[in-house]
Amino acid sequence: MGVPAAKLKSNKQLLAIKRPRRKLSLTVLLFILPAIIPLIIFWIYPMGKSLYISFTDWDYVSPEYDFVGFSNYTDLLTDPGFYSVLVNTVVFSMGVVIPCVAGGLMLALLVSGNGKGMGIYRTLIFSPWVTPTVAVSIVWSWIYEPNVGLANWILNLLQLPALGWTSSSTWAMPAVIIVSIWKGVGWAMIFYLNALKKVPVSLYEAASLDGASKWRQFLHITIPFISPTTLFLIVITSIDALQAYDQIQVLTQGGPAGSTRTMLYFYYQTAFEEFNMGKATATAILLVLITAAFSFLQFIFSKRWVHYQ
């Protein structure tokens, strides 16, 4: 028996529809391949490889290693030293993020006008961000020098006792935090300058006519309108703080007595000083999970205070 003409016609129509779809899919694939291939090679594959290594006892040198399961993770989570590193990481992150975001907003409000020399001030404040962190840290190591450094010279002028700064377990963390704030606050300022320009002037005019003070205008107009920028800066600055390494390496090398050893520096020491790559990659995986969870929570709680236009 022959195939009915109606069925043949239907099959031809389906083939005619599928051909353009396949051609479109192939075209889309060709366009996204240049982006997908580097993503796979330099991000997805290394992440997968790191996850696998975290379940091994590889020493970074030997070609052979054993699969040890979750031993590296249990060793970390039962090690009191790891929790000390975790506390240092939280203290450092909070100490950098809050002043950077708040300071960036204050500086943006101060230099947002078109007065004489404002462009120079904005450039000077932003310039530390484009300076390599290693160079910035070396300069600050001279400033913190106990005997002839600028920091203690200023303290002496104010009749205050000199500090050990990077050689003191009490002041080493604040010293590294100050360097990180000095470098990052100008970057936050640039984003706030752009956000402040987008706040409608008519709202300020209406609020002034209603008798609202400058402070109330700032709280009820400026803050809500720039809240998306604030969320962006909190998330990015938090991630940047969690991944801080250069300033710690140059200024304190994680000391004194581990007082400035954060998770990323702990990873470096475990991997390249102790040659325990399995435990080091387990630390890196935990850092990624903490960063992702922290960012996720920020987005969840931001629904209460971030207002999109």
C-alpha atoms as a PDB file:
ATOM      1  CA  MET A   1       0.000   0.000   0.000  1.00  0.00           C
ATOM      2  CA  GLY A   2       1.182   3.486  -0.842  1.00  0.00           C
ATOM      3  CA  VAL A   3       1.617   6.297   1.656  1.00  0.00           C
ATOM      4  CA  PRO A   4      -1.354   8.647   1.664  1.00  0.00           C
ATOM      5  CA  ALA A   5      -0.734  11.959  -0.122  1.00  0.00           C
ATOM      6  CA  ALA A   6      -1.888  13.935   2.920  1.00  0.00           C
ATOM      7  CA  LYS A   7       0.723  12.219   5.108  1.00  0.00           C
ATOM      8  CA  LEU A   8       3.510  12.846   2.574  1.00  0.00           C
ATOM      9  CA  LYS A   9       2.533  16.503   2.442  1.00  0.00           C
ATOM     10  CA  SER A  10       2.577  16.690   6.242  1.00  0.00           C
ATOM     11  CA  ASN A  11       6.059  15.116   6.412  1.00  0.00           C
ATOM     12  CA  LYS A  12       7.399  17.540   3.818  1.00  0.00           C
ATOM     13  CA  GLN A  13       6.014  20.456   5.824  1.00  0.00           C
ATOM     14  CA  LEU A  14       7.685  19.175   9.000  1.00  0.00           C
ATOM     15  CA  LEU A  15      11.022  18.817   7.184  1.00  0.00           C
ATOM     16  CA  ALA A  16      10.635  22.296   5.754  1.00  0.00           C
ATOM     17  CA  ILE A  17      10.123  23.655   9.291  1.00  0.00           C
ATOM     18  CA  LYS A  18      13.000  21.667  10.836  1.00  0.00           C
ATOM     19  CA  ARG A  19      15.627  22.740   8.245  1.00  0.00           C
ATOM     20  CA  PRO A  20      15.471  26.475   9.095  1.00  0.00           C
ATOM     21  CA  ARG A  21      15.480  25.621  12.802  1.00  0.00           C
ATOM     22  CA  ARG A  22      18.603  23.468  12.424  1.00  0.00           C
ATOM     23  CA  LYS A  23      20.248  26.184  10.346  1.00  0.00           C
ATOM     24  CA  LEU A  24      19.377  28.774  12.993  1.00  0.00           C
ATOM     25  CA  SER A  25      20.708  26.548  15.794  1.00  0.00           C
ATOM     26  CA  LEU A  26      23.957  26.010  13.875  1.00  0.00           C
ATOM     27  CA  THR A  27      24.298  29.750  13.290  1.00  0.00           C
ATOM     28  CA  VAL A  28      23.721  30.521  16.975  1.00  0.00           C
ATOM     29  CA  LEU A  29      26.269  27.838  17.953  1.00  0.00           C
ATOM     30  CA  LEU A  30      28.890  29.334  15.615  1.00  0.00           C
ATOM     31  CA  PHE A  31      28.366  32.773  17.147  1.00  0.00           C
ATOM     32  CA  ILE A  32      28.658  31.623  20.776  1.00  0.00           C
ATOM     33  CA  LEU A  33      31.581  29.220  20.253  1.00  0.00           C
ATOM     34  CA  PRO A  34      34.245  31.992  20.528  1.00  0.00           C
ATOM     35  CA  ALA A  35      32.881  32.785  23.995  1.00  0.00           C
ATOM     36  CA  ILE A  36      32.095  29.199  25.067  1.00  0.00           C
ATOM     37  CA  ILE A  37      35.497  27.694  24.207  1.00  0.00           C
ATOM     38  CA  PRO A  38      37.578  30.028  26.457  1.00  0.00           C
ATOM     39  CA  LEU A  39      34.933  29.642  29.176  1.00  0.00           C
ATOM     40  CA  ILE A  40      35.291  25.861  29.083  1.00  0.00           C
ATOM     41  CA  ILE A  41      39.100  25.900  28.868  1.00  0.00           C
ATOM     42  CA  PHE A  42      39.858  28.597  31.433  1.00  0.00           C
ATOM     43  CA  TRP A  43      36.930  28.339  33.874  1.00  0.00           C
ATOM     44  CA  ILE A  44      34.733  25.229  33.721  1.00  0.00           C
ATOM     45  CA  TYR A  45      37.559  22.686  33.209  1.00  0.00           C
ATOM     46  CA  PRO A  46      39.859  24.204  35.894  1.00  0.00           C
ATOM     47  CA  MET A  47      36.947  24.301  38.347  1.00  0.00           C
ATOM     48  CA  GLY A  48      36.148  20.649  37.672  1.00  0.00           C
ATOM     49  CA  LYS A  49      39.808  19.685  37.920  1.00  0.00           C
ATOM     50  CA  SER A  50      40.193  21.591  41.197  1.00  0.00           C
ATOM     51  CA  LEU A  51      37.130  19.885  42.623  1.00  0.00           C
ATOM     52  CA  TYR A  52      38.646  16.501  41.750  1.00  0.00           C
ATOM     53  CA  ILE A  53      42.054  17.389  43.225  1.00  0.00           C
ATOM     54  CA  SER A  54      40.362  18.412  46.481  1.00  0.00           C
ATOM     55  CA  PHE A  55      39.463  14.732  46.957  1.00  0.00           C
ATOM     56  CA  THR A  56      43.095  13.592  46.577  1.00  0.00           C
ATOM     57  CA  ASP A  57      46.375  13.772  48.520  1.00  0.00           C
ATOM     58  CA  TRP A  58      48.411  15.256  45.640  1.00  0.00           C
ATOM     59  CA  ASP A  59      51.583  16.992  46.813  1.00  0.00           C
ATOM     60  CA  TYR A  60      51.941  19.162  43.666  1.00  0.00           C
ATOM     61  CA  VAL A  61      55.130  17.302  42.669  1.00  0.00           C
ATOM     62  CA  SER A  62      54.504  13.565  42.447  1.00  0.00           C
ATOM     63  CA  PRO A  63      52.839  12.236  39.283  1.00  0.00           C
ATOM     64  CA  GLU A  64      50.889   9.730  41.378  1.00  0.00           C
ATOM     65  CA  TYR A  65      48.396  10.432  44.144  1.00  0.00           C
ATOM     66  CA  ASP A  66      45.569   8.686  45.959  1.00  0.00           C
ATOM     67  CA  PHE A  67      41.876   9.427  46.163  1.00  0.00           C
ATOM     68  CA  VAL A  68      41.071  10.247  49.805  1.00  0.00           C
ATOM     69  CA  GLY A  69      37.418  11.251  49.578  1.00  0.00           C
ATOM     70  CA  PHE A  70      36.271  13.957  51.956  1.00  0.00           C
ATOM     71  CA  SER A  71      39.349  13.700  54.207  1.00  0.00           C
ATOM     72  CA  ASN A  72      40.667  17.118  53.184  1.00  0.00           C
ATOM     73  CA  TYR A  73      37.338  18.750  53.966  1.00  0.00           C
ATOM     74  CA  THR A  74      36.966  17.013  57.330  1.00  0.00           C
ATOM     75  CA  ASP A  75      40.552  17.970  58.250  1.00  0.00           C
ATOM     76  CA  LEU A  76      39.772  21.614  57.482  1.00  0.00           C
ATOM     77  CA  LEU A  77      36.448  21.691  59.284  1.00  0.00           C
ATOM     78  CA  THR A  78      37.906  20.057  62.402  1.00  0.00           C
ATOM     79  CA  ASP A  79      41.020  22.251  62.482  1.00  0.00           C
ATOM     80  CA  PRO A  80      40.758  25.185  64.959  1.00  0.00           C
ATOM     81  CA  GLY A  81      43.350  27.052  62.891  1.00  0.00           C
ATOM     82  CA  PHE A  82      40.996  27.073  59.923  1.00  0.00           C
ATOM     83  CA  TYR A  83      38.310  28.827  61.953  1.00  0.00           C
ATOM     84  CA  SER A  84      40.866  31.418  63.033  1.00  0.00           C
ATOM     85  CA  VAL A  85      41.561  32.032  59.331  1.00  0.00           C
ATOM     86  CA  LEU A  86      37.821  32.221  58.663  1.00  0.00           C
ATOM     87  CA  VAL A  87      37.390  34.852  61.403  1.00  0.00           C
ATOM     88  CA  ASN A  88      40.289  36.880  59.949  1.00  0.00           C
ATOM     89  CA  THR A  89      38.642  36.715  56.534  1.00  0.00           C
ATOM     90  CA  VAL A  90      35.313  37.983  57.876  1.00  0.00           C
ATOM     91  CA  VAL A  91      36.977  40.773  59.885  1.00  0.00           C
ATOM     92  CA  PHE A  92      39.039  41.864  56.890  1.00  0.00           C
ATOM     93  CA  SER A  93      36.053  41.761  54.513  1.00  0.00           C
ATOM     94  CA  MET A  94      33.769  43.734  56.812  1.00  0.00           C
ATOM     95  CA  GLY A  95      36.565  46.172  57.609  1.00  0.00           C
ATOM     96  CA  VAL A  96      37.080  46.873  53.913  1.00  0.00           C
ATOM     97  CA  VAL A  97      33.560  46.709  52.448  1.00  0.00           C
ATOM     98  CA  ILE A  98      31.716  49.029  54.859  1.00  0.00           C
ATOM     99  CA  PRO A  99      34.264  51.900  54.798  1.00  0.00           C
ATOM    100  CA  CYS A 100      34.793  51.576  51.041  1.00  0.00           C
ATOM    101  CA  VAL A 101      31.086  51.803  50.220  1.00  0.00           C
ATOM    102  CA  ALA A 102      30.275  54.479  52.821  1.00  0.00           C
ATOM    103  CA  GLY A 103      33.452  56.431  52.068  1.00  0.00           C
ATOM    104  CA  GLY A 104      32.845  56.220  48.331  1.00  0.00           C
ATOM    105  CA  LEU A 105      29.393  57.732  48.796  1.00  0.00           C
ATOM    106  CA  MET A 106      30.706  60.533  51.010  1.00  0.00           C
ATOM    107  CA  LEU A 107      33.464  61.390  48.544  1.00  0.00           C
ATOM    108  CA  ALA A 108      31.008  61.290  45.628  1.00  0.00           C
ATOM    109  CA  LEU A 109      28.753  63.775  47.433  1.00  0.00           C
ATOM    110  CA  LEU A 110      31.744  66.047  48.093  1.00  0.00           C
ATOM    111  CA  VAL A 111      33.108  66.094  44.528  1.00  0.00           C
ATOM    112  CA  SER A 112      29.865  65.699  42.564  1.00  0.00           C
ATOM    113  CA  GLY A 113      29.631  69.414  41.797  1.00  0.00           C
ATOM    114  CA  ASN A 114      31.123  71.263  38.852  1.00  0.00           C
ATOM    115  CA  GLY A 115      33.278  73.563  40.956  1.00  0.00           C
ATOM    116  CA  LYS A 116      36.804  74.570  40.102  1.00  0.00           C
ATOM    117  CA  GLY A 117      39.290  71.721  40.393  1.00  0.00           C
ATOM    118  CA  MET A 118      36.698  68.999  41.014  1.00  0.00           C
ATOM    119  CA  GLY A 119      37.983  66.975  38.068  1.00  0.00           C
ATOM    120  CA  ILE A 120      41.487  66.996  39.559  1.00  0.00           C
ATOM    121  CA  TYR A 121      40.178  65.873  42.946  1.00  0.00           C
ATOM    122  CA  ARG A 122      38.206  63.030  41.346  1.00  0.00           C
ATOM    123  CA  THR A 123      41.290  61.910  39.412  1.00  0.00           C
ATOM    124  CA  LEU A 124      43.529  61.966  42.486  1.00  0.00           C
ATOM    125  CA  ILE A 125      41.027  60.004  44.581  1.00  0.00           C
ATOM    126  CA  PHE A 126      40.507  57.396  41.857  1.00  0.00           C
ATOM    127  CA  SER A 127      44.207  57.022  40.956  1.00  0.00           C
ATOM    128  CA  PRO A 128      45.051  54.421  43.670  1.00  0.00           C
ATOM    129  CA  TRP A 129      42.599  51.995  42.047  1.00  0.00           C
ATOM    130  CA  VAL A 130      44.522  51.929  38.755  1.00  0.00           C
ATOM    131  CA  THR A 131      47.854  51.552  40.570  1.00  0.00           C
ATOM    132  CA  PRO A 132      49.040  47.922  40.951  1.00  0.00           C
ATOM    133  CA  THR A 133      48.316  46.577  44.413  1.00  0.00           C
ATOM    134  CA  VAL A 134      51.909  45.407  44.845  1.00  0.00           C
ATOM    135  CA  ALA A 135      53.241  48.925  44.172  1.00  0.00           C
ATOM    136  CA  VAL A 136      50.685  50.447  46.554  1.00  0.00           C
ATOM    137  CA  SER A 137      51.589  47.929  49.255  1.00  0.00           C
ATOM    138  CA  ILE A 138      55.328  48.607  48.920  1.00  0.00           C
ATOM    139  CA  VAL A 139      54.751  52.336  49.356  1.00  0.00           C
ATOM    140  CA  TRP A 140      52.578  51.709  52.420  1.00  0.00           C
ATOM    141  CA  SER A 141      55.228  49.399  53.884  1.00  0.00           C
ATOM    142  CA  TRP A 142      57.526  52.453  53.877  1.00  0.00           C
ATOM    143  CA  ILE A 143      54.778  54.535  55.496  1.00  0.00           C
ATOM    144  CA  TYR A 144      54.368  51.899  58.228  1.00  0.00           C
ATOM    145  CA  GLU A 145      58.121  51.647  58.886  1.00  0.00           C
ATOM    146  CA  PRO A 146      58.430  51.847  62.716  1.00  0.00           C
ATOM    147  CA  ASN A 147      61.382  54.227  62.987  1.00  0.00           C
ATOM    148  CA  VAL A 148      61.232  56.627  60.029  1.00  0.00           C
ATOM    149  CA  GLY A 149      57.772  55.919  58.546  1.00  0.00           C
ATOM    150  CA  LEU A 150      55.246  58.679  57.904  1.00  0.00           C
ATOM    151  CA  ALA A 151      52.523  57.006  60.033  1.00  0.00           C
ATOM    152  CA  ASN A 152      54.523  57.071  63.269  1.00  0.00           C
ATOM    153  CA  TRP A 153      55.893  60.534  62.460  1.00  0.00           C
ATOM    154  CA  ILE A 154      52.308  61.845  62.382  1.00  0.00           C
ATOM    155  CA  LEU A 155      51.520  60.037  65.637  1.00  0.00           C
ATOM    156  CA  ASN A 156      54.553  61.664  67.255  1.00  0.00           C
ATOM    157  CA  LEU A 157      53.360  65.096  66.101  1.00  0.00           C
ATOM    158  CA  LEU A 158      50.038  64.388  67.822  1.00  0.00           C
ATOM    159  CA  GLN A 159      51.859  63.309  70.990  1.00  0.00           C
ATOM    160  CA  LEU A 160      50.653  59.727  70.534  1.00  0.00           C
ATOM    161  CA  PRO A 161      52.771  56.599  71.034  1.00  0.00           C
ATOM    162  CA  ALA A 162      54.338  55.008  67.957  1.00  0.00           C
ATOM    163  CA  LEU A 163      52.814  51.761  66.748  1.00  0.00           C
ATOM    164  CA  GLY A 164      54.355  48.564  65.461  1.00  0.00           C
ATOM    165  CA  TRP A 165      51.831  48.483  62.590  1.00  0.00           C
ATOM    166  CA  THR A 166      52.721  45.431  60.457  1.00  0.00           C
ATOM    167  CA  SER A 167      54.927  43.919  63.186  1.00  0.00           C
ATOM    168  CA  SER A 168      52.140  43.979  65.777  1.00  0.00           C
ATOM    169  CA  SER A 169      49.496  41.255  65.953  1.00  0.00           C
ATOM    170  CA  THR A 170      47.061  43.911  67.201  1.00  0.00           C
ATOM    171  CA  TRP A 171      47.642  46.512  64.483  1.00  0.00           C
ATOM    172  CA  ALA A 172      48.633  44.366  61.487  1.00  0.00           C
ATOM    173  CA  MET A 173      45.049  43.686  60.399  1.00  0.00           C
ATOM    174  CA  PRO A 174      43.974  47.369  60.670  1.00  0.00           C
ATOM    175  CA  ALA A 175      47.123  48.299  58.728  1.00  0.00           C
ATOM    176  CA  VAL A 176      46.218  45.983  55.827  1.00  0.00           C
ATOM    177  CA  ILE A 177      42.587  47.132  55.949  1.00  0.00           C
ATOM    178  CA  ILE A 178      43.660  50.798  55.700  1.00  0.00           C
ATOM    179  CA  VAL A 179      45.686  50.040  52.560  1.00  0.00           C
ATOM    180  CA  SER A 180      42.738  48.179  50.984  1.00  0.00           C
ATOM    181  CA  ILE A 181      40.318  51.017  51.794  1.00  0.00           C
ATOM    182  CA  TRP A 182      42.706  53.663  50.448  1.00  0.00           C
ATOM    183  CA  LYS A 183      42.949  51.732  47.183  1.00  0.00           C
ATOM    184  CA  GLY A 184      39.262  50.877  46.762  1.00  0.00           C
ATOM    185  CA  VAL A 185      37.321  53.913  47.995  1.00  0.00           C
ATOM    186  CA  GLY A 186      37.954  55.904  44.803  1.00  0.00           C
ATOM    187  CA  TRP A 187      36.549  53.084  42.695  1.00  0.00           C
ATOM    188  CA  ALA A 188      33.313  53.145  44.711  1.00  0.00           C
ATOM    189  CA  MET A 189      33.220  56.930  44.372  1.00  0.00           C
ATOM    190  CA  ILE A 190      33.180  56.724  40.553  1.00  0.00           C
ATOM    191  CA  PHE A 191      30.099  54.488  40.550  1.00  0.00           C
ATOM    192  CA  TYR A 192      28.296  56.714  43.029  1.00  0.00           C
ATOM    193  CA  LEU A 193      29.076  59.800  40.951  1.00  0.00           C
ATOM    194  CA  ASN A 194      27.300  58.203  38.011  1.00  0.00           C
ATOM    195  CA  ALA A 195      24.369  57.072  40.210  1.00  0.00           C
ATOM    196  CA  LEU A 196      23.910  60.533  41.748  1.00  0.00           C
ATOM    197  CA  LYS A 197      23.606  62.109  38.302  1.00  0.00           C
ATOM    198  CA  LYS A 198      20.596  59.891  37.563  1.00  0.00           C
ATOM    199  CA  VAL A 199      18.555  61.033  40.583  1.00  0.00           C
ATOM    200  CA  PRO A 200      15.796  63.349  39.225  1.00  0.00           C
ATOM    201  CA  VAL A 201      16.360  66.965  40.295  1.00  0.00           C
ATOM    202  CA  SER A 202      12.593  67.504  40.290  1.00  0.00           C
ATOM    203  CA  LEU A 203      12.264  65.241  43.344  1.00  0.00           C
ATOM    204  CA  TYR A 204      14.635  67.426  45.344  1.00  0.00           C
ATOM    205  CA  GLU A 205      12.747  70.531  44.249  1.00  0.00           C
ATOM    206  CA  ALA A 206       9.406  69.033  45.277  1.00  0.00           C
ATOM    207  CA  ALA A 207      10.824  67.923  48.616  1.00  0.00           C
ATOM    208  CA  SER A 208      12.225  71.415  49.266  1.00  0.00           C
ATOM    209  CA  LEU A 209       8.819  72.944  48.572  1.00  0.00           C
ATOM    210  CA  ASP A 210       7.317  70.520  51.107  1.00  0.00           C
ATOM    211  CA  GLY A 211       9.839  71.689  53.701  1.00  0.00           C
ATOM    212  CA  ALA A 212      12.034  68.576  53.785  1.00  0.00           C
ATOM    213  CA  SER A 213      15.532  69.172  55.136  1.00  0.00           C
ATOM    214  CA  LYS A 214      18.685  68.186  53.234  1.00  0.00           C
ATOM    215  CA  TRP A 215      19.130  65.207  55.556  1.00  0.00           C
ATOM    216  CA  ARG A 216      15.597  63.919  54.926  1.00  0.00           C
ATOM    217  CA  GLN A 217      16.071  64.415  51.182  1.00  0.00           C
ATOM    218  CA  PHE A 218      19.255  62.345  51.408  1.00  0.00           C
ATOM    219  CA  LEU A 219      17.529  59.552  53.363  1.00  0.00           C
ATOM    220  CA  HIS A 220      14.286  59.353  51.393  1.00  0.00           C
ATOM    221  CA  ILE A 221      15.388  60.332  47.872  1.00  0.00           C
ATOM    222  CA  THR A 222      19.124  59.863  47.368  1.00  0.00           C
ATOM    223  CA  ILE A 223      19.589  56.588  49.264  1.00  0.00           C
ATOM    224  CA  PRO A 224      16.651  54.735  47.597  1.00  0.00           C
ATOM    225  CA  PHE A 225      17.608  55.911  44.096  1.00  0.00           C
ATOM    226  CA  ILE A 226      21.242  54.854  44.422  1.00  0.00           C
ATOM    227  CA  SER A 227      20.434  51.575  46.218  1.00  0.00           C
ATOM    228  CA  PRO A 228      21.079  49.386  43.114  1.00  0.00           C
ATOM    229  CA  THR A 229      24.579  50.866  42.887  1.00  0.00           C
ATOM    230  CA  THR A 230      25.053  50.237  46.604  1.00  0.00           C
ATOM    231  CA  LEU A 231      24.094  46.574  46.168  1.00  0.00           C
ATOM    232  CA  PHE A 232      26.483  46.217  43.227  1.00  0.00           C
ATOM    233  CA  LEU A 233      29.352  47.781  45.181  1.00  0.00           C
ATOM    234  CA  ILE A 234      28.706  45.645  48.276  1.00  0.00           C
ATOM    235  CA  VAL A 235      28.725  42.422  46.246  1.00  0.00           C
ATOM    236  CA  ILE A 236      31.787  43.243  44.128  1.00  0.00           C
ATOM    237  CA  THR A 237      33.779  44.749  46.998  1.00  0.00           C
ATOM    238  CA  SER A 238      32.964  41.722  49.173  1.00  0.00           C
ATOM    239  CA  ILE A 239      34.212  39.330  46.503  1.00  0.00           C
ATOM    240  CA  ASP A 240      37.336  41.430  46.012  1.00  0.00           C
ATOM    241  CA  ALA A 241      37.996  41.471  49.773  1.00  0.00           C
ATOM    242  CA  LEU A 242      37.544  37.709  50.073  1.00  0.00           C
ATOM    243  CA  GLN A 243      40.156  37.280  47.338  1.00  0.00           C
ATOM    244  CA  ALA A 244      42.713  39.738  48.761  1.00  0.00           C
ATOM    245  CA  TYR A 245      46.272  38.462  48.573  1.00  0.00           C
ATOM    246  CA  ASP A 246      48.831  40.971  47.234  1.00  0.00           C
ATOM    247  CA  GLN A 247      48.668  43.494  50.077  1.00  0.00           C
ATOM    248  CA  ILE A 248      48.842  40.723  52.685  1.00  0.00           C
ATOM    249  CA  GLN A 249      51.845  39.109  51.002  1.00  0.00           C
ATOM    250  CA  VAL A 250      53.786  42.377  50.726  1.00  0.00           C
ATOM    251  CA  LEU A 251      52.909  43.876  54.121  1.00  0.00           C
ATOM    252  CA  THR A 252      52.631  40.988  56.595  1.00  0.00           C
ATOM    253  CA  GLN A 253      53.007  37.563  54.903  1.00  0.00           C
ATOM    254  CA  GLY A 254      50.000  36.464  56.944  1.00  0.00           C
ATOM    255  CA  GLY A 255      51.580  37.409  60.283  1.00  0.00           C
ATOM    256  CA  PRO A 256      52.408  38.283  62.901  1.00  0.00           C
ATOM    257  CA  ALA A 257      51.304  34.986  64.490  1.00  0.00           C
ATOM    258  CA  GLY A 258      48.751  34.439  61.724  1.00  0.00           C
ATOM    259  CA  SER A 259      46.798  37.591  62.617  1.00  0.00           C
ATOM    260  CA  THR A 260      46.361  38.592  58.944  1.00  0.00           C
ATOM    261  CA  ARG A 261      46.132  35.139  57.391  1.00  0.00           C
ATOM    262  CA  THR A 262      42.916  35.046  55.380  1.00  0.00           C
ATOM    263  CA  MET A 263      41.490  32.102  53.452  1.00  0.00           C
ATOM    264  CA  LEU A 264      43.211  32.940  50.176  1.00  0.00           C
ATOM    265  CA  TYR A 265      46.562  33.398  51.892  1.00  0.00           C
ATOM    266  CA  PHE A 266      45.957  30.160  53.798  1.00  0.00           C
ATOM    267  CA  TYR A 267      45.380  28.507  50.408  1.00  0.00           C
ATOM    268  CA  TYR A 268      48.696  29.881  49.129  1.00  0.00           C
ATOM    269  CA  GLN A 269      50.626  28.642  52.159  1.00  0.00           C
ATOM    270  CA  THR A 270      49.003  25.212  52.084  1.00  0.00           C
ATOM    271  CA  ALA A 271      49.595  24.763  48.358  1.00  0.00           C
ATOM    272  CA  PHE A 272      53.024  26.306  47.733  1.00  0.00           C
ATOM    273  CA  GLU A 273      54.724  26.134  51.137  1.00  0.00           C
ATOM    274  CA  GLU A 274      53.344  22.869  52.551  1.00  0.00           C
ATOM    275  CA  PHE A 275      52.786  21.285  49.092  1.00  0.00           C
ATOM    276  CA  ASN A 276      49.427  19.899  50.162  1.00  0.00           C
ATOM    277  CA  MET A 277      47.487  20.627  47.000  1.00  0.00           C
ATOM    278  CA  GLY A 278      44.502  18.485  47.966  1.00  0.00           C
ATOM    279  CA  LYS A 279      43.882  20.425  51.172  1.00  0.00           C
ATOM    280  CA  ALA A 280      44.604  23.724  49.396  1.00  0.00           C
ATOM    281  CA  THR A 281      42.049  23.112  46.650  1.00  0.00           C
ATOM    282  CA  ALA A 282      39.529  22.042  49.298  1.00  0.00           C
ATOM    283  CA  THR A 283      40.118  25.468  50.878  1.00  0.00           C
ATOM    284  CA  ALA A 284      39.587  27.110  47.501  1.00  0.00           C
ATOM    285  CA  ILE A 285      36.322  25.227  46.963  1.00  0.00           C
ATOM    286  CA  LEU A 286      35.086  26.280  50.407  1.00  0.00           C
ATOM    287  CA  LEU A 287      36.033  29.882  49.609  1.00  0.00           C
ATOM    288  CA  VAL A 288      34.036  29.719  46.372  1.00  0.00           C
ATOM    289  CA  LEU A 289      31.033  28.280  48.234  1.00  0.00           C
ATOM    290  CA  ILE A 290      31.268  30.953  50.940  1.00  0.00           C
ATOM    291  CA  THR A 291      31.526  33.699  48.319  1.00  0.00           C
ATOM    292  CA  ALA A 292      28.537  32.323  46.400  1.00  0.00           C
ATOM    293  CA  ALA A 293      26.449  31.938  49.563  1.00  0.00           C
ATOM    294  CA  PHE A 294      27.363  35.435  50.753  1.00  0.00           C
ATOM    295  CA  SER A 295      26.433  36.956  47.398  1.00  0.00           C
ATOM    296  CA  PHE A 296      23.176  34.982  47.286  1.00  0.00           C
ATOM    297  CA  LEU A 297      22.184  36.167  50.766  1.00  0.00           C
ATOM    298  CA  GLN A 298      22.963  39.749  49.800  1.00  0.00           C
ATOM    299  CA  PHE A 299      20.632  39.482  46.813  1.00  0.00           C
ATOM    300  CA  ILE A 300      17.910  37.914  48.972  1.00  0.00           C
ATOM    301  CA  PHE A 301      18.032  40.591  51.670  1.00  0.00           C
ATOM    302  CA  SER A 302      18.422  43.355  49.082  1.00  0.00           C
ATOM    303  CA  LYS A 303      14.777  42.908  48.055  1.00  0.00           C
ATOM    304  CA  ARG A 304      13.848  44.809  51.203  1.00  0.00           C
ATOM    305  CA  TRP A 305      15.955  47.899  50.585  1.00  0.00           C
ATOM    306  CA  VAL A 306      16.959  48.021  46.901  1.00  0.00           C
ATOM    307  CA  HIS A 307      14.574  50.050  44.754  1.00  0.00           C
ATOM    308  CA  TYR A 308      14.764  49.772  40.987  1.00  0.00           C
ATOM    309  CA  GLN A 309      13.319  52.532  38.848  1.00  0.00           C
END
